[in-house]
Protein backbone atom coordinates (compact mmCIF):
# COMPACT_ATOMS: atom_id res chain seq x y z
CA MET A 1 17.98 38.11 -8.44
CA GLY A 2 17.52 34.89 -6.57
CA LYS A 3 18.10 31.48 -8.06
CA THR A 4 15.41 28.87 -8.00
CA PRO A 5 16.59 25.31 -7.47
CA ARG A 6 16.66 23.12 -10.56
CA ARG A 7 13.90 20.52 -10.68
CA LYS A 8 15.14 16.97 -10.33
CA GLN A 9 13.69 13.84 -11.82
CA ARG A 10 12.39 11.67 -9.02
CA ARG A 11 12.85 8.38 -10.87
CA LEU A 12 16.12 8.95 -12.74
CA ALA A 13 18.40 7.11 -10.30
CA ARG A 14 16.09 4.11 -10.19
CA LYS A 15 15.81 4.01 -13.99
CA LEU A 16 19.59 4.14 -14.48
CA CYS A 17 20.08 1.29 -12.02
CA GLU A 18 17.30 -0.70 -13.67
CA ILE A 19 18.81 -0.19 -17.13
CA ARG A 20 22.18 -1.47 -15.92
CA ARG A 21 20.60 -4.50 -14.27
CA MET A 22 18.40 -5.29 -17.28
CA LEU A 23 21.55 -5.28 -19.40
CA LYS A 24 23.17 -7.55 -16.79
CA LEU A 25 26.18 -5.28 -16.38
CA SER A 26 28.26 -4.29 -13.38
CA GLN A 27 28.93 -0.62 -12.76
CA SER A 28 32.40 -0.98 -14.28
CA GLU A 29 31.03 -2.86 -17.29
CA ILE A 30 28.42 -0.22 -18.09
CA VAL A 31 31.12 2.48 -18.09
CA GLU A 32 33.14 0.35 -20.50
CA ARG A 33 30.15 -0.45 -22.76
CA MET A 34 29.29 3.26 -22.95
CA GLY A 35 32.87 3.91 -24.07
CA LEU A 36 33.57 6.17 -21.11
CA GLN A 37 36.43 4.34 -19.40
CA GLY A 38 39.01 6.88 -18.32
CA GLU A 39 36.36 9.64 -18.43
CA LEU A 40 33.74 8.36 -16.00
CA PRO A 41 34.86 6.63 -12.79
CA ARG A 42 32.86 3.59 -11.70
CA GLY A 43 32.02 5.45 -8.49
CA SER A 44 30.09 8.00 -10.55
CA VAL A 45 27.67 5.27 -11.64
CA SER A 46 27.08 4.44 -7.99
CA ASN A 47 26.46 8.13 -7.26
CA PHE A 48 23.97 8.35 -10.16
CA GLU A 49 22.10 5.28 -8.92
CA LYS A 50 21.91 6.64 -5.37
CA SER A 51 20.75 10.14 -6.46
CA ARG A 52 23.94 11.69 -5.11
CA ARG A 53 24.85 13.13 -8.52
CA VAL A 54 22.99 13.83 -11.74
CA PRO A 55 24.69 12.60 -14.91
CA SER A 56 25.44 15.03 -17.71
CA LEU A 57 23.28 15.00 -20.84
CA PHE A 58 26.19 13.37 -22.66
CA VAL A 59 26.22 10.46 -20.16
CA LEU A 60 22.42 10.14 -20.26
CA LEU A 61 22.57 9.94 -24.04
CA ARG A 62 25.14 7.14 -23.77
CA TYR A 63 22.80 5.23 -21.41
CA ALA A 64 19.92 5.73 -23.85
CA ARG A 65 21.88 4.54 -26.88
CA LEU A 66 23.30 1.54 -25.05
CA ALA A 67 19.83 0.49 -23.89
CA GLY A 68 18.14 1.24 -27.23
CA LEU A 69 15.88 3.88 -25.67
CA CYS A 70 15.04 7.44 -26.51
CA LEU A 71 16.35 9.87 -23.93
CA GLU A 72 12.84 10.98 -23.07
CA ILE A 73 11.98 7.61 -21.53
CA ILE A 74 14.92 7.92 -19.15
CA VAL A 75 14.39 11.51 -18.03
CA ASP A 76 10.59 11.81 -18.02
CA ASP A 77 9.20 10.69 -14.65
CA ASP A 78 5.81 10.06 -16.25
CA LEU A 79 7.21 7.42 -18.61
CA ASP A 80 8.15 3.90 -17.61
CA LEU A 81 11.02 1.85 -18.94
CA PRO A 82 9.92 -0.96 -21.24
CA LYS A 83 9.73 -4.43 -19.71
CA GLU A 84 12.54 -5.57 -22.01
CA LEU A 85 15.45 -3.69 -23.49
CA ILE A 86 16.45 -4.24 -27.08
CA PRO A 87 19.97 -2.82 -27.33
CA GLY A 88 20.73 -1.22 -30.67
CA SER A 89 17.14 -0.25 -31.44
CA ALA A 90 15.45 3.05 -30.71
CA HIS A 91 12.15 3.35 -28.85
CA ASP A 92 9.64 6.12 -29.19
CA HIS A 93 8.23 7.69 -26.03
CA LEU A 94 5.43 5.13 -25.97
CA GLY A 95 7.90 2.29 -25.69
CA LYS A 96 7.41 1.00 -29.22
CA SER A 97 10.54 -0.16 -30.93
CA THR A 98 11.62 1.48 -34.16
CA GLN A 99 14.63 0.69 -36.28
CA ARG A 100 17.08 3.48 -36.95
CA LYS A 101 17.64 4.12 -40.61
CA ARG A 102 21.26 4.30 -41.58
CA PRO A 103 22.18 6.72 -44.33
CA THR A 104 23.15 5.04 -47.55
CA ARG A 105 26.40 5.91 -49.22
CA GLU A 106 26.43 6.43 -52.92
């Protein structure tokens, strides 16, 4: 059986770069803010932003959480990033901000 090539998102690299710039972070700083220092070399961020490598789902989830976005906005080529990022909040796929509910401890 032959393998078919995996489809790639056309806009992923641009979105990741835009997220980092909207957060006003260097490539080293975004690795640190995602809590991935020692696991993700700064050069990997450069490779993601230049479409040389595709980040793992784990790394994409870290980008999404840091930027306050749902993962779908980052990976779906048909969806645009919001004009402004609100770190710490979650966005639905339409770009509307929603607050995450934290479980209450009894």
